[in-house]
C-alpha atoms as a PDB file:
ATOM      1  CA  MET A   1      24.258  36.410  67.843  1.00  0.00           C
ATOM      2  CA  ILE A   2      21.057  34.469  67.334  1.00  0.00           C
ATOM      3  CA  HIS A   3      19.403  34.724  63.914  1.00  0.00           C
ATOM      4  CA  PHE A   4      15.666  34.249  63.840  1.00  0.00           C
ATOM      5  CA  ILE A   5      14.020  32.933  60.691  1.00  0.00           C
ATOM      6  CA  THR A   6      10.630  34.456  60.243  1.00  0.00           C
ATOM      7  CA  LYS A   7       7.733  32.483  58.812  1.00  0.00           C
ATOM      8  CA  ALA A   8       7.790  34.672  55.711  1.00  0.00           C
ATOM      9  CA  LYS A   9      11.502  34.016  55.120  1.00  0.00           C
ATOM     10  CA  GLN A  10      11.033  30.287  55.648  1.00  0.00           C
ATOM     11  CA  THR A  11       8.168  30.270  53.161  1.00  0.00           C
ATOM     12  CA  GLU A  12      10.323  32.153  50.641  1.00  0.00           C
ATOM     13  CA  LYS A  13      13.175  29.682  51.168  1.00  0.00           C
ATOM     14  CA  ASP A  14      10.824  26.729  50.709  1.00  0.00           C
ATOM     15  CA  LEU A  15       9.482  28.230  47.496  1.00  0.00           C
ATOM     16  CA  ARG A  16      13.001  28.781  46.127  1.00  0.00           C
ATOM     17  CA  THR A  17      13.938  25.197  46.992  1.00  0.00           C
ATOM     18  CA  ARG A  18      10.778  23.832  45.422  1.00  0.00           C
ATOM     19  CA  PHE A  19      11.328  25.963  42.303  1.00  0.00           C
ATOM     20  CA  ALA A  20      14.908  24.707  42.021  1.00  0.00           C
ATOM     21  CA  ASP A  21      13.749  21.114  42.442  1.00  0.00           C
ATOM     22  CA  ASP A  22      11.044  21.591  39.804  1.00  0.00           C
ATOM     23  CA  LYS A  23      13.508  23.159  37.349  1.00  0.00           C
ATOM     24  CA  PHE A  24      15.992  20.344  37.934  1.00  0.00           C
ATOM     25  CA  ALA A  25      13.263  17.747  37.420  1.00  0.00           C
ATOM     26  CA  GLU A  26      12.204  19.510  34.222  1.00  0.00           C
ATOM     27  CA  TRP A  27      15.810  19.638  32.987  1.00  0.00           C
ATOM     28  CA  GLU A  28      16.332  16.003  33.937  1.00  0.00           C
ATOM     29  CA  ALA A  29      13.202  14.976  32.014  1.00  0.00           C
ATOM     30  CA  GLN A  30      14.388  16.902  28.951  1.00  0.00           C
ATOM     31  CA  VAL A  31      17.786  15.187  29.051  1.00  0.00           C
ATOM     32  CA  ILE A  32      16.214  11.736  29.428  1.00  0.00           C
ATOM     33  CA  ASP A  33      13.796  12.531  26.594  1.00  0.00           C
ATOM     34  CA  ALA A  34      16.642  13.600  24.314  1.00  0.00           C
ATOM     35  CA  LEU A  35      18.894  10.631  25.109  1.00  0.00           C
ATOM     36  CA  ASP A  36      16.382   7.777  24.822  1.00  0.00           C
ATOM     37  CA  VAL A  37      17.714   5.330  22.205  1.00  0.00           C
ATOM     38  CA  ASP A  38      15.533   2.252  22.714  1.00  0.00           C
ATOM     39  CA  PHE A  39      12.015   3.660  23.214  1.00  0.00           C
ATOM     40  CA  SER A  40      12.298   2.981  26.946  1.00  0.00           C
ATOM     41  CA  LEU A  41      10.255   6.139  27.631  1.00  0.00           C
ATOM     42  CA  VAL A  42       7.255   4.593  25.872  1.00  0.00           C
ATOM     43  CA  ARG A  43       7.720   1.089  27.249  1.00  0.00           C
ATOM     44  CA  ARG A  44       4.698  -0.753  28.669  1.00  0.00           C
ATOM     45  CA  GLU A  45       4.573  -4.269  30.067  1.00  0.00           C
ATOM     46  CA  VAL A  46       1.879  -6.868  29.386  1.00  0.00           C
ATOM     47  CA  HIS A  47       1.786  -9.735  31.885  1.00  0.00           C
ATOM     48  CA  THR A  48      -1.568 -11.433  31.257  1.00  0.00           C
ATOM     49  CA  MET A  49      -3.804 -12.350  28.327  1.00  0.00           C
ATOM     50  CA  GLU A  50      -6.469 -10.065  29.766  1.00  0.00           C
ATOM     51  CA  GLU A  51      -4.070  -7.118  29.511  1.00  0.00           C
ATOM     52  CA  PHE A  52      -3.125  -8.154  25.986  1.00  0.00           C
ATOM     53  CA  GLU A  53      -6.774  -8.389  24.920  1.00  0.00           C
ATOM     54  CA  GLN A  54      -7.594  -4.980  26.355  1.00  0.00           C
ATOM     55  CA  GLN A  55      -4.494  -2.998  25.409  1.00  0.00           C
ATOM     56  CA  LEU A  56      -3.493  -4.508  22.055  1.00  0.00           C
ATOM     57  CA  LYS A  57      -6.087  -6.810  20.559  1.00  0.00           C
ATOM     58  CA  ALA A  58      -9.198  -4.677  21.132  1.00  0.00           C
ATOM     59  CA  PRO A  59      -7.798  -1.567  19.338  1.00  0.00           C
ATOM     60  CA  PHE A  60      -6.609  -3.808  16.484  1.00  0.00           C
ATOM     61  CA  LEU A  61     -10.023  -5.419  15.997  1.00  0.00           C
ATOM     62  CA  GLU A  62     -11.890  -2.114  16.349  1.00  0.00           C
ATOM     63  CA  ASN A  63      -9.800  -0.768  13.448  1.00  0.00           C
ATOM     64  CA  LYS A  64     -10.667   2.854  14.266  1.00  0.00           C
ATOM     65  CA  GLU A  65      -7.075   4.120  13.990  1.00  0.00           C
ATOM     66  CA  LYS A  66      -4.147   3.497  11.686  1.00  0.00           C
ATOM     67  CA  ILE A  67      -1.920   1.308  13.869  1.00  0.00           C
ATOM     68  CA  PHE A  68       1.190  -0.443  12.572  1.00  0.00           C
ATOM     69  CA  TYR A  69       3.020  -3.294  14.277  1.00  0.00           C
ATOM     70  CA  ARG A  70       6.450  -4.882  14.458  1.00  0.00           C
ATOM     71  CA  GLY A  71       7.340  -7.910  16.566  1.00  0.00           C
ATOM     72  CA  GLU A  72      10.794  -8.765  17.919  1.00  0.00           C
ATOM     73  CA  ARG A  73      11.661 -12.214  19.258  1.00  0.00           C
ATOM     74  CA  VAL A  74      13.388 -10.680  22.286  1.00  0.00           C
ATOM     75  CA  ASP A  75      13.520  -7.356  24.108  1.00  0.00           C
ATOM     76  CA  ASP A  76      17.167  -6.447  23.605  1.00  0.00           C
ATOM     77  CA  ARG A  77      18.756  -2.993  23.701  1.00  0.00           C
ATOM     78  CA  ALA A  78      21.321  -4.291  21.197  1.00  0.00           C
ATOM     79  CA  ARG A  79      18.516  -4.778  18.625  1.00  0.00           C
ATOM     80  CA  PRO A  80      17.357  -1.239  17.783  1.00  0.00           C
ATOM     81  CA  LEU A  81      14.865  -0.418  15.044  1.00  0.00           C
ATOM     82  CA  ILE A  82      17.457   0.101  12.350  1.00  0.00           C
ATOM     83  CA  PRO A  83      17.167  -0.055   8.538  1.00  0.00           C
ATOM     84  CA  THR A  84      18.607  -3.186   6.962  1.00  0.00           C
ATOM     85  CA  ILE A  85      21.243  -1.270   4.996  1.00  0.00           C
ATOM     86  CA  PHE A  86      22.907  -0.220   8.270  1.00  0.00           C
ATOM     87  CA  ARG A  87      23.091  -3.658   9.864  1.00  0.00           C
ATOM     88  CA  ASN A  88      26.368  -4.402   8.083  1.00  0.00           C
ATOM     89  CA  ARG A  89      27.740  -0.905   8.366  1.00  0.00           C
ATOM     90  CA  GLN A  90      31.261  -1.790   7.281  1.00  0.00           C
ATOM     91  CA  ALA A  91      29.962  -2.746   3.823  1.00  0.00           C
ATOM     92  CA  LEU A  92      29.118   0.924   3.215  1.00  0.00           C
ATOM     93  CA  PHE A  93      32.789   1.889   3.296  1.00  0.00           C
ATOM     94  CA  ASP A  94      34.944   0.836   0.356  1.00  0.00           C
ATOM     95  CA  ASN A  95      37.628   3.481   0.931  1.00  0.00           C
ATOM     96  CA  GLY A  96      39.263   5.278   3.829  1.00  0.00           C
ATOM     97  CA  ASP A  97      36.317   7.544   4.621  1.00  0.00           C
ATOM     98  CA  ALA A  98      35.189   7.920   8.207  1.00  0.00           C
ATOM     99  CA  VAL A  99      31.681   9.018   7.230  1.00  0.00           C
ATOM    100  CA  ALA A 100      29.365   7.745   4.497  1.00  0.00           C
ATOM    101  CA  LYS A 101      26.770  10.171   3.173  1.00  0.00           C
ATOM    102  CA  VAL A 102      23.966   7.736   2.370  1.00  0.00           C
ATOM    103  CA  THR A 103      21.521   9.207  -0.146  1.00  0.00           C
ATOM    104  CA  ALA A 104      19.259   7.731  -2.824  1.00  0.00           C
ATOM    105  CA  ASP A 105      22.175   7.821  -5.270  1.00  0.00           C
ATOM    106  CA  PHE A 106      24.431   6.108  -2.734  1.00  0.00           C
ATOM    107  CA  VAL A 107      21.941   3.265  -2.222  1.00  0.00           C
ATOM    108  CA  TYR A 108      21.417   2.906  -5.977  1.00  0.00           C
ATOM    109  CA  ASP A 109      25.183   2.711  -6.547  1.00  0.00           C
ATOM    110  CA  PHE A 110      25.501   0.297  -3.618  1.00  0.00           C
ATOM    111  CA  TYR A 111      23.155  -2.114  -5.405  1.00  0.00           C
ATOM    112  CA  SER A 112      25.074  -1.626  -8.663  1.00  0.00           C
ATOM    113  CA  ARG A 113      28.624  -2.138  -7.485  1.00  0.00           C
ATOM    114  CA  ASP A 114      28.622  -5.898  -6.931  1.00  0.00           C
ATOM    115  CA  GLY A 115      27.716  -8.675  -9.326  1.00  0.00           C
ATOM    116  CA  SER A 116      24.776  -8.585 -11.736  1.00  0.00           C
ATOM    117  CA  TYR A 117      22.007  -7.645  -9.310  1.00  0.00           C
ATOM    118  CA  MET A 118      21.033  -4.392 -11.020  1.00  0.00           C
ATOM    119  CA  HIS A 119      21.584  -5.870 -14.487  1.00  0.00           C
ATOM    120  CA  LEU A 120      19.056  -8.608 -13.761  1.00  0.00           C
ATOM    121  CA  TYR A 121      16.652  -6.188 -12.055  1.00  0.00           C
ATOM    122  CA  GLU A 122      16.666  -3.864 -15.066  1.00  0.00           C
ATOM    123  CA  LYS A 123      16.214  -6.762 -17.450  1.00  0.00           C
ATOM    124  CA  VAL A 124      13.284  -8.531 -15.789  1.00  0.00           C
ATOM    125  CA  MET A 125      11.714  -6.068 -13.303  1.00  0.00           C
ATOM    126  CA  ASP A 126      12.097  -2.451 -14.419  1.00  0.00           C
ATOM    127  CA  PRO A 127      14.266  -1.035 -17.245  1.00  0.00           C
ATOM    128  CA  HIS A 128      14.329   2.396 -15.551  1.00  0.00           C
ATOM    129  CA  PRO A 129      14.803   1.745 -11.807  1.00  0.00           C
ATOM    130  CA  ARG A 130      16.310   5.158 -11.054  1.00  0.00           C
ATOM    131  CA  GLN A 131      12.956   6.710 -11.918  1.00  0.00           C
ATOM    132  CA  ASN A 132      11.108   4.472  -9.472  1.00  0.00           C
ATOM    133  CA  LEU A 133      13.242   4.223  -6.369  1.00  0.00           C
ATOM    134  CA  TYR A 134      10.465   2.976  -4.116  1.00  0.00           C
ATOM    135  CA  ARG A 135       9.862  -0.178  -6.143  1.00  0.00           C
ATOM    136  CA  LEU A 136      13.613  -0.845  -6.353  1.00  0.00           C
ATOM    137  CA  PHE A 137      14.170  -0.326  -2.623  1.00  0.00           C
ATOM    138  CA  ALA A 138      11.087  -2.355  -1.669  1.00  0.00           C
ATOM    139  CA  PHE A 139      12.182  -5.204  -3.947  1.00  0.00           C
ATOM    140  CA  SER A 140      15.682  -5.078  -2.439  1.00  0.00           C
ATOM    141  CA  GLN A 141      14.273  -5.118   1.090  1.00  0.00           C
ATOM    142  CA  HIS A 142      12.472  -8.372   0.310  1.00  0.00           C
ATOM    143  CA  TYR A 143      15.008 -10.170  -1.857  1.00  0.00           C
ATOM    144  CA  LEU A 144      18.404  -8.691  -0.936  1.00  0.00           C
ATOM    145  CA  ASP A 145      17.620  -7.708   2.675  1.00  0.00           C
ATOM    146  CA  VAL A 146      19.283  -4.329   2.115  1.00  0.00           C
ATOM    147  CA  SER A 147      17.331  -1.067   1.977  1.00  0.00           C
ATOM    148  CA  PRO A 148      16.641   2.145   3.938  1.00  0.00           C
ATOM    149  CA  PHE A 149      13.455   0.557   5.321  1.00  0.00           C
ATOM    150  CA  VAL A 150      12.294  -1.104   8.541  1.00  0.00           C
ATOM    151  CA  ASP A 151       9.484  -3.659   8.132  1.00  0.00           C
ATOM    152  CA  PHE A 152       6.131  -3.049   9.836  1.00  0.00           C
ATOM    153  CA  THR A 153       2.691  -4.547   9.232  1.00  0.00           C
ATOM    154  CA  LYS A 154      -0.955  -3.570   9.579  1.00  0.00           C
ATOM    155  CA  SER A 155      -1.679  -6.949  11.202  1.00  0.00           C
ATOM    156  CA  LEU A 156      -1.226  -7.687  14.888  1.00  0.00           C
ATOM    157  CA  TYR A 157      -1.246 -11.413  14.059  1.00  0.00           C
ATOM    158  CA  VAL A 158       1.611 -11.079  11.556  1.00  0.00           C
ATOM    159  CA  SER A 159       3.783  -9.094  13.964  1.00  0.00           C
ATOM    160  CA  LEU A 160       3.167 -11.600  16.761  1.00  0.00           C
ATOM    161  CA  SER A 161       3.966 -14.529  14.504  1.00  0.00           C
ATOM    162  CA  PHE A 162       7.305 -13.025  13.475  1.00  0.00           C
ATOM    163  CA  ALA A 163       8.136 -12.559  17.165  1.00  0.00           C
ATOM    164  CA  LEU A 164       6.911 -15.966  18.369  1.00  0.00           C
ATOM    165  CA  LYS A 165       8.412 -17.974  15.466  1.00  0.00           C
ATOM    166  CA  ASN A 166       6.476 -21.094  16.510  1.00  0.00           C
ATOM    167  CA  ARG A 167       8.842 -21.691  19.417  1.00  0.00           C
ATOM    168  CA  GLN A 168       7.833 -24.039  22.204  1.00  0.00           C
ATOM    169  CA  VAL A 169      10.030 -22.389  24.851  1.00  0.00           C
ATOM    170  CA  TYR A 170      10.312 -18.652  25.544  1.00  0.00           C
ATOM    171  CA  PRO A 171      13.229 -17.854  27.846  1.00  0.00           C
ATOM    172  CA  ALA A 172      12.689 -14.091  27.652  1.00  0.00           C
ATOM    173  CA  PRO A 173       9.892 -11.580  26.986  1.00  0.00           C
ATOM    174  CA  LEU A 174       9.027 -10.457  23.461  1.00  0.00           C
ATOM    175  CA  ALA A 175       8.996  -6.880  22.212  1.00  0.00           C
ATOM    176  CA  LEU A 176       6.160  -5.524  20.093  1.00  0.00           C
ATOM    177  CA  TYR A 177       6.159  -2.010  18.654  1.00  0.00           C
ATOM    178  CA  THR A 178       2.976  -0.144  17.787  1.00  0.00           C
ATOM    179  CA  VAL A 179       3.017   3.078  15.781  1.00  0.00           C
ATOM    180  CA  LYS A 180      -0.007   5.362  15.456  1.00  0.00           C
ATOM    181  CA  ILE A 181      -0.107   8.254  13.010  1.00  0.00           C
ATOM    182  CA  ARG A 182      -0.402  11.759  14.444  1.00  0.00           C
ATOM    183  CA  ASP A 183      -0.107  13.646  11.142  1.00  0.00           C
ATOM    184  CA  GLU A 184      -1.560  12.121   7.950  1.00  0.00           C
ATOM    185  CA  GLY A 185       1.235  13.877   6.061  1.00  0.00           C
ATOM    186  CA  ASP A 186       3.731  11.411   7.544  1.00  0.00           C
ATOM    187  CA  TYR A 187       1.998   8.425   5.905  1.00  0.00           C
ATOM    188  CA  THR A 188       1.492   7.772   2.207  1.00  0.00           C
ATOM    189  CA  GLU A 189       0.051   5.240  -0.191  1.00  0.00           C
ATOM    190  CA  SER A 190       1.123   7.377  -3.160  1.00  0.00           C
ATOM    191  CA  LEU A 191       3.995   6.106  -5.279  1.00  0.00           C
ATOM    192  CA  ALA A 192       4.885   9.646  -6.358  1.00  0.00           C
ATOM    193  CA  THR A 193       5.105  10.802  -2.737  1.00  0.00           C
ATOM    194  CA  ALA A 194       7.186   7.787  -1.704  1.00  0.00           C
ATOM    195  CA  ASN A 195       9.618   8.408  -4.568  1.00  0.00           C
ATOM    196  CA  ALA A 196       9.876  12.088  -3.602  1.00  0.00           C
ATOM    197  CA  TRP A 197      10.661  11.173   0.020  1.00  0.00           C
ATOM    198  CA  LEU A 198      13.386   8.805  -1.156  1.00  0.00           C
ATOM    199  CA  GLU A 199      14.901  11.414  -3.476  1.00  0.00           C
ATOM    200  CA  ASP A 200      15.378  13.592  -0.372  1.00  0.00           C
ATOM    201  CA  TYR A 201      16.732  10.713   1.738  1.00  0.00           C
ATOM    202  CA  LYS A 202      19.950  11.526   3.603  1.00  0.00           C
ATOM    203  CA  VAL A 203      21.775   9.850   6.487  1.00  0.00           C
ATOM    204  CA  TYR A 204      25.367  10.330   7.630  1.00  0.00           C
ATOM    205  CA  VAL A 205      26.811   7.043   8.827  1.00  0.00           C
ATOM    206  CA  PHE A 206      30.003   6.903  10.887  1.00  0.00           C
ATOM    207  CA  ARG A 207      32.288   3.921  10.716  1.00  0.00           C
ATOM    208  CA  ARG A 208      32.451   1.908  13.899  1.00  0.00           C
ATOM    209  CA  ARG A 209      35.343   3.151  15.957  1.00  0.00           C
ATOM    210  CA  GLU A 210      37.240  -0.136  16.055  1.00  0.00           C
ATOM    211  CA  ASP A 211      36.940  -0.567  12.280  1.00  0.00           C
ATOM    212  CA  TYR A 212      38.051   2.964  11.569  1.00  0.00           C
ATOM    213  CA  ILE A 213      40.990   2.919  13.980  1.00  0.00           C
ATOM    214  CA  LYS A 214      42.242  -0.245  12.304  1.00  0.00           C
ATOM    215  CA  SER A 215      41.991   1.421   8.892  1.00  0.00           C
ATOM    216  CA  LEU A 216      43.580   4.606  10.205  1.00  0.00           C
ATOM    217  CA  MET A 217      46.544   2.718  11.626  1.00  0.00           C
ATOM    218  CA  GLN A 218      47.154   1.236   8.200  1.00  0.00           C
ATOM    219  CA  SER A 219      46.895   4.547   6.319  1.00  0.00           C
ATOM    220  CA  GLY A 220      48.827   6.685   8.828  1.00  0.00           C
ATOM    221  CA  ALA A 221      48.945  10.489   8.716  1.00  0.00           C
ATOM    222  CA  ALA A 222      47.432  10.665   5.231  1.00  0.00           C
ATOM    223  CA  GLY A 223      44.344   8.821   6.454  1.00  0.00           C
ATOM    224  CA  LEU A 224      43.998  11.151   9.437  1.00  0.00           C
ATOM    225  CA  ARG A 225      44.168  14.224   7.190  1.00  0.00           C
ATOM    226  CA  GLN A 226      41.572  12.690   4.875  1.00  0.00           C
ATOM    227  CA  MET A 227      39.219  12.048   7.786  1.00  0.00           C
ATOM    228  CA  LEU A 228      39.558  15.606   9.112  1.00  0.00           C
ATOM    229  CA  ARG A 229      38.950  17.115   5.657  1.00  0.00           C
ATOM    230  CA  GLN A 230      35.842  15.014   5.115  1.00  0.00           C
ATOM    231  CA  MET A 231      34.369  15.749   8.530  1.00  0.00           C
ATOM    232  CA  GLU A 232      34.928  19.476   7.981  1.00  0.00           C
ATOM    233  CA  ARG A 233      33.134  19.248   4.613  1.00  0.00           C
ATOM    234  CA  GLU A 234      30.141  17.500   6.145  1.00  0.00           C
ATOM    235  CA  ARG A 235      30.151  19.280   9.515  1.00  0.00           C
ATOM    236  CA  GLN A 236      27.457  21.867   8.769  1.00  0.00           C
ATOM    237  CA  ASP A 237      24.977  19.341   7.386  1.00  0.00           C
ATOM    238  CA  MET A 238      25.598  16.928  10.250  1.00  0.00           C
ATOM    239  CA  VAL A 239      25.138  19.636  12.884  1.00  0.00           C
ATOM    240  CA  LEU A 240      21.926  20.857  11.262  1.00  0.00           C
ATOM    241  CA  MET A 241      20.456  17.351  11.086  1.00  0.00           C
ATOM    242  CA  GLY A 242      21.547  16.151  14.505  1.00  0.00           C
ATOM    243  CA  ASN A 243      21.404  12.533  15.607  1.00  0.00           C
ATOM    244  CA  ALA A 244      17.632  12.000  15.888  1.00  0.00           C
ATOM    245  CA  PRO A 245      15.924  10.819  12.678  1.00  0.00           C
ATOM    246  CA  SER A 246      12.605  11.979  11.339  1.00  0.00           C
ATOM    247  CA  ALA A 247      10.233   9.242  10.208  1.00  0.00           C
ATOM    248  CA  LYS A 248       7.768   8.463   7.432  1.00  0.00           C
ATOM    249  CA  LEU A 249       5.520   5.448   6.821  1.00  0.00           C
ATOM    250  CA  ILE A 250       4.889   4.033   3.351  1.00  0.00           C
ATOM    251  CA  GLY A 251       1.994   1.642   2.773  1.00  0.00           C
ATOM    252  CA  ILE A 252       2.398   0.550  -0.854  1.00  0.00           C
ATOM    253  CA  PRO A 253       2.536  -3.231  -1.387  1.00  0.00           C
ATOM    254  CA  THR A 254       4.756  -4.169  -4.318  1.00  0.00           C
ATOM    255  CA  ASN A 255       4.157  -7.922  -4.538  1.00  0.00           C
ATOM    256  CA  ASP A 256       1.782 -10.657  -3.404  1.00  0.00           C
ATOM    257  CA  LEU A 257       3.847 -11.488  -0.318  1.00  0.00           C
ATOM    258  CA  MET A 258       3.825  -7.898   0.930  1.00  0.00           C
ATOM    259  CA  ARG A 259       0.056  -7.705   0.367  1.00  0.00           C
ATOM    260  CA  TYR A 260      -0.408 -10.983   2.203  1.00  0.00           C
ATOM    261  CA  GLN A 261       1.694  -9.824   5.165  1.00  0.00           C
ATOM    262  CA  GLN A 262      -0.023  -6.396   5.036  1.00  0.00           C
ATOM    263  CA  GLY A 263       3.424  -4.863   4.983  1.00  0.00           C
ATOM    264  CA  VAL A 264       4.295  -1.217   5.613  1.00  0.00           C
ATOM    265  CA  PHE A 265       7.743   0.380   5.555  1.00  0.00           C
ATOM    266  CA  LEU A 266       9.162   2.784   8.132  1.00  0.00           C
ATOM    267  CA  LEU A 267      11.633   5.230   6.575  1.00  0.00           C
ATOM    268  CA  LEU A 268      14.114   6.970   8.890  1.00  0.00           C
ATOM    269  CA  THR A 269      15.891   9.966   7.383  1.00  0.00           C
ATOM    270  CA  ASP A 270      17.773  13.209   8.088  1.00  0.00           C
ATOM    271  CA  PHE A 271      20.067  12.064  10.890  1.00  0.00           C
ATOM    272  CA  SER A 272      23.596  10.982  11.752  1.00  0.00           C
ATOM    273  CA  LEU A 273      24.149   7.370  12.783  1.00  0.00           C
ATOM    274  CA  MET A 274      27.189   7.325  15.052  1.00  0.00           C
ATOM    275  CA  PHE A 275      26.538   4.254  17.189  1.00  0.00           C
ATOM    276  CA  ASN A 276      24.340   1.166  16.866  1.00  0.00           C
ATOM    277  CA  GLY A 277      21.222   3.141  17.725  1.00  0.00           C
ATOM    278  CA  TYR A 278      19.925   6.686  17.565  1.00  0.00           C
ATOM    279  CA  PRO A 279      17.909   9.100  19.729  1.00  0.00           C
ATOM    280  CA  THR A 280      14.199   8.352  19.329  1.00  0.00           C
ATOM    281  CA  LYS A 281      12.894  11.799  20.284  1.00  0.00           C
ATOM    282  CA  ASN A 282      11.807  12.925  16.799  1.00  0.00           C
ATOM    283  CA  ILE A 283      10.100   9.623  15.998  1.00  0.00           C
ATOM    284  CA  ARG A 284       8.173   9.779  19.271  1.00  0.00           C
ATOM    285  CA  GLU A 285       7.086  13.309  18.357  1.00  0.00           C
ATOM    286  CA  ASP A 286       6.126  12.380  14.776  1.00  0.00           C
ATOM    287  CA  PHE A 287       4.184   9.264  15.787  1.00  0.00           C
ATOM    288  CA  GLU A 288       2.560   7.764  18.866  1.00  0.00           C
ATOM    289  CA  VAL A 289       4.993   4.921  19.497  1.00  0.00           C
ATOM    290  CA  THR A 290       4.651   2.278  22.193  1.00  0.00           C
ATOM    291  CA  LYS A 291       7.122  -0.498  22.927  1.00  0.00           C
ATOM    292  CA  TRP A 292       5.173  -3.365  24.475  1.00  0.00           C
ATOM    293  CA  ILE A 293       7.034  -5.997  26.467  1.00  0.00           C
ATOM    294  CA  LEU A 294       5.053  -9.244  26.364  1.00  0.00           C
ATOM    295  CA  ASP A 295       5.708 -11.567  29.285  1.00  0.00           C
ATOM    296  CA  ALA A 296       7.196 -14.915  28.270  1.00  0.00           C
ATOM    297  CA  GLU A 297       4.489 -16.660  30.310  1.00  0.00           C
ATOM    298  CA  ILE A 298       1.737 -15.633  27.871  1.00  0.00           C
ATOM    299  CA  CYS A 299       3.627 -16.521  24.673  1.00  0.00           C
ATOM    300  CA  PRO A 300       2.211 -20.089  24.372  1.00  0.00           C
ATOM    301  CA  ALA A 301      -1.305 -18.637  24.717  1.00  0.00           C
ATOM    302  CA  LEU A 302      -0.543 -16.066  21.999  1.00  0.00           C
ATOM    303  CA  LEU A 303       0.643 -18.856  19.722  1.00  0.00           C
ATOM    304  CA  GLN A 304      -2.597 -20.746  20.336  1.00  0.00           C
ATOM    305  CA  MET A 305      -4.604 -17.586  19.663  1.00  0.00           C
ATOM    306  CA  ILE A 306      -3.053 -17.202  16.200  1.00  0.00           C
ATOM    307  CA  GLU A 307      -3.716 -20.854  15.356  1.00  0.00           C
ATOM    308  CA  ARG A 308      -7.303 -20.467  16.550  1.00  0.00           C
ATOM    309  CA  GLU A 309      -8.162 -17.092  14.993  1.00  0.00           C
ATOM    310  CA  ALA A 310      -5.822 -16.619  12.005  1.00  0.00           C
ATOM    311  CA  PRO A 311      -4.007 -19.900  11.216  1.00  0.00           C
ATOM    312  CA  TRP A 312      -2.949 -18.560   7.807  1.00  0.00           C
ATOM    313  CA  TYR A 313      -0.638 -16.225   9.711  1.00  0.00           C
ATOM    314  CA  ASN A 314       1.130 -19.056  11.496  1.00  0.00           C
ATOM    315  CA  TYR A 315       4.885 -18.510  11.160  1.00  0.00           C
ATOM    316  CA  ASP A 316       5.162 -21.424   8.705  1.00  0.00           C
ATOM    317  CA  CYS A 317       2.829 -19.551   6.344  1.00  0.00           C
ATOM    318  CA  LEU A 318       4.270 -16.048   6.528  1.00  0.00           C
ATOM    319  CA  LEU A 319       6.672 -16.546   3.627  1.00  0.00           C
ATOM    320  CA  ASP A 320       4.433 -18.991   1.749  1.00  0.00           C
ATOM    321  CA  VAL A 321       1.277 -17.396   0.355  1.00  0.00           C
ATOM    322  CA  LYS A 322       0.061 -20.679  -1.143  1.00  0.00           C
ATOM    323  CA  THR A 323       0.151 -22.525   2.195  1.00  0.00           C
ATOM    324  CA  GLY A 324      -1.528 -19.595   3.922  1.00  0.00           C
ATOM    325  CA  PHE A 325      -4.451 -19.519   1.507  1.00  0.00           C
ATOM    326  CA  GLU A 326      -4.776 -23.304   1.610  1.00  0.00           C
ATOM    327  CA  LYS A 327      -5.219 -22.992   5.385  1.00  0.00           C
ATOM    328  CA  ALA A 328      -7.738 -20.193   4.911  1.00  0.00           C
ATOM    329  CA  ALA A 329      -9.751 -22.377   2.527  1.00  0.00           C
ATOM    330  CA  LYS A 330     -10.225 -24.931   5.326  1.00  0.00           C
ATOM    331  CA  PHE A 331     -11.103 -22.374   7.996  1.00  0.00           C
ATOM    332  CA  ASP A 332     -14.493 -20.778   8.607  1.00  0.00           C
ATOM    333  CA  LEU A 333     -14.414 -17.385  10.328  1.00  0.00           C
END
């Protein structure tokens, strides 16, 4: 028997196929959006100085929008935007726990548990640090390199200088992040607001698998039972928060160096950190984030641009306010 396919049936079949393809493409895009962990979905490449001038420098000089910058010396998936307190994750675990619930109290106690750090801070900086968490955490970011913050800056020159580091040879492209505010409520220059955000700070951090397995092997069945009990206690909170952090930006300089560098802090909160990175979906929804990949070929020209236009932000000056202002005194804009 010969089956004839009418034009109407063929059209209907084509429409069903196209609809299925569209739905699959939509589903695929949603999955990719949810799983992005290195801002690859907002990645843009810059190959020439002309592109740099147009896409990055012009918006910076126009100063019409709040744009914040962070430079990385290399584009590396293994170097996610992660708060300094999580870089040495094992230090967060001083017992057999599999999960650390990192809150403001946890961070405060973390500073207090070793040596005389908090004793000296209370004596010479602030006798009541628990009442002013932002100043304590900002101070610790600068002088202990441990806090819930990620460093950003209002200056394109500063971010470039941290990425370039005065090197003469650039074997690989640089990465430069820009963050634009969508909602003014996600940015503050109010100390009271910053302290309130930090009081609500909460991140669940999982021990790295290899570290935990080693600990578990040593503690045996008792350690396994402890892990299961803890994960059951925290399960509801962890499920509600998910793995993608929400983000806030805090622009309150706490010392001369931070003012000089035009520093701003990115605060990531309300998520579970299971691996080295995290899904970026919420951050990309909260802010307009772009990850710029700057071709290694233009890096020497960028270095020359800084020396020509803002020599006080040469890498040698970034941590030395005196040298920076001495350079500025000899330079006429």
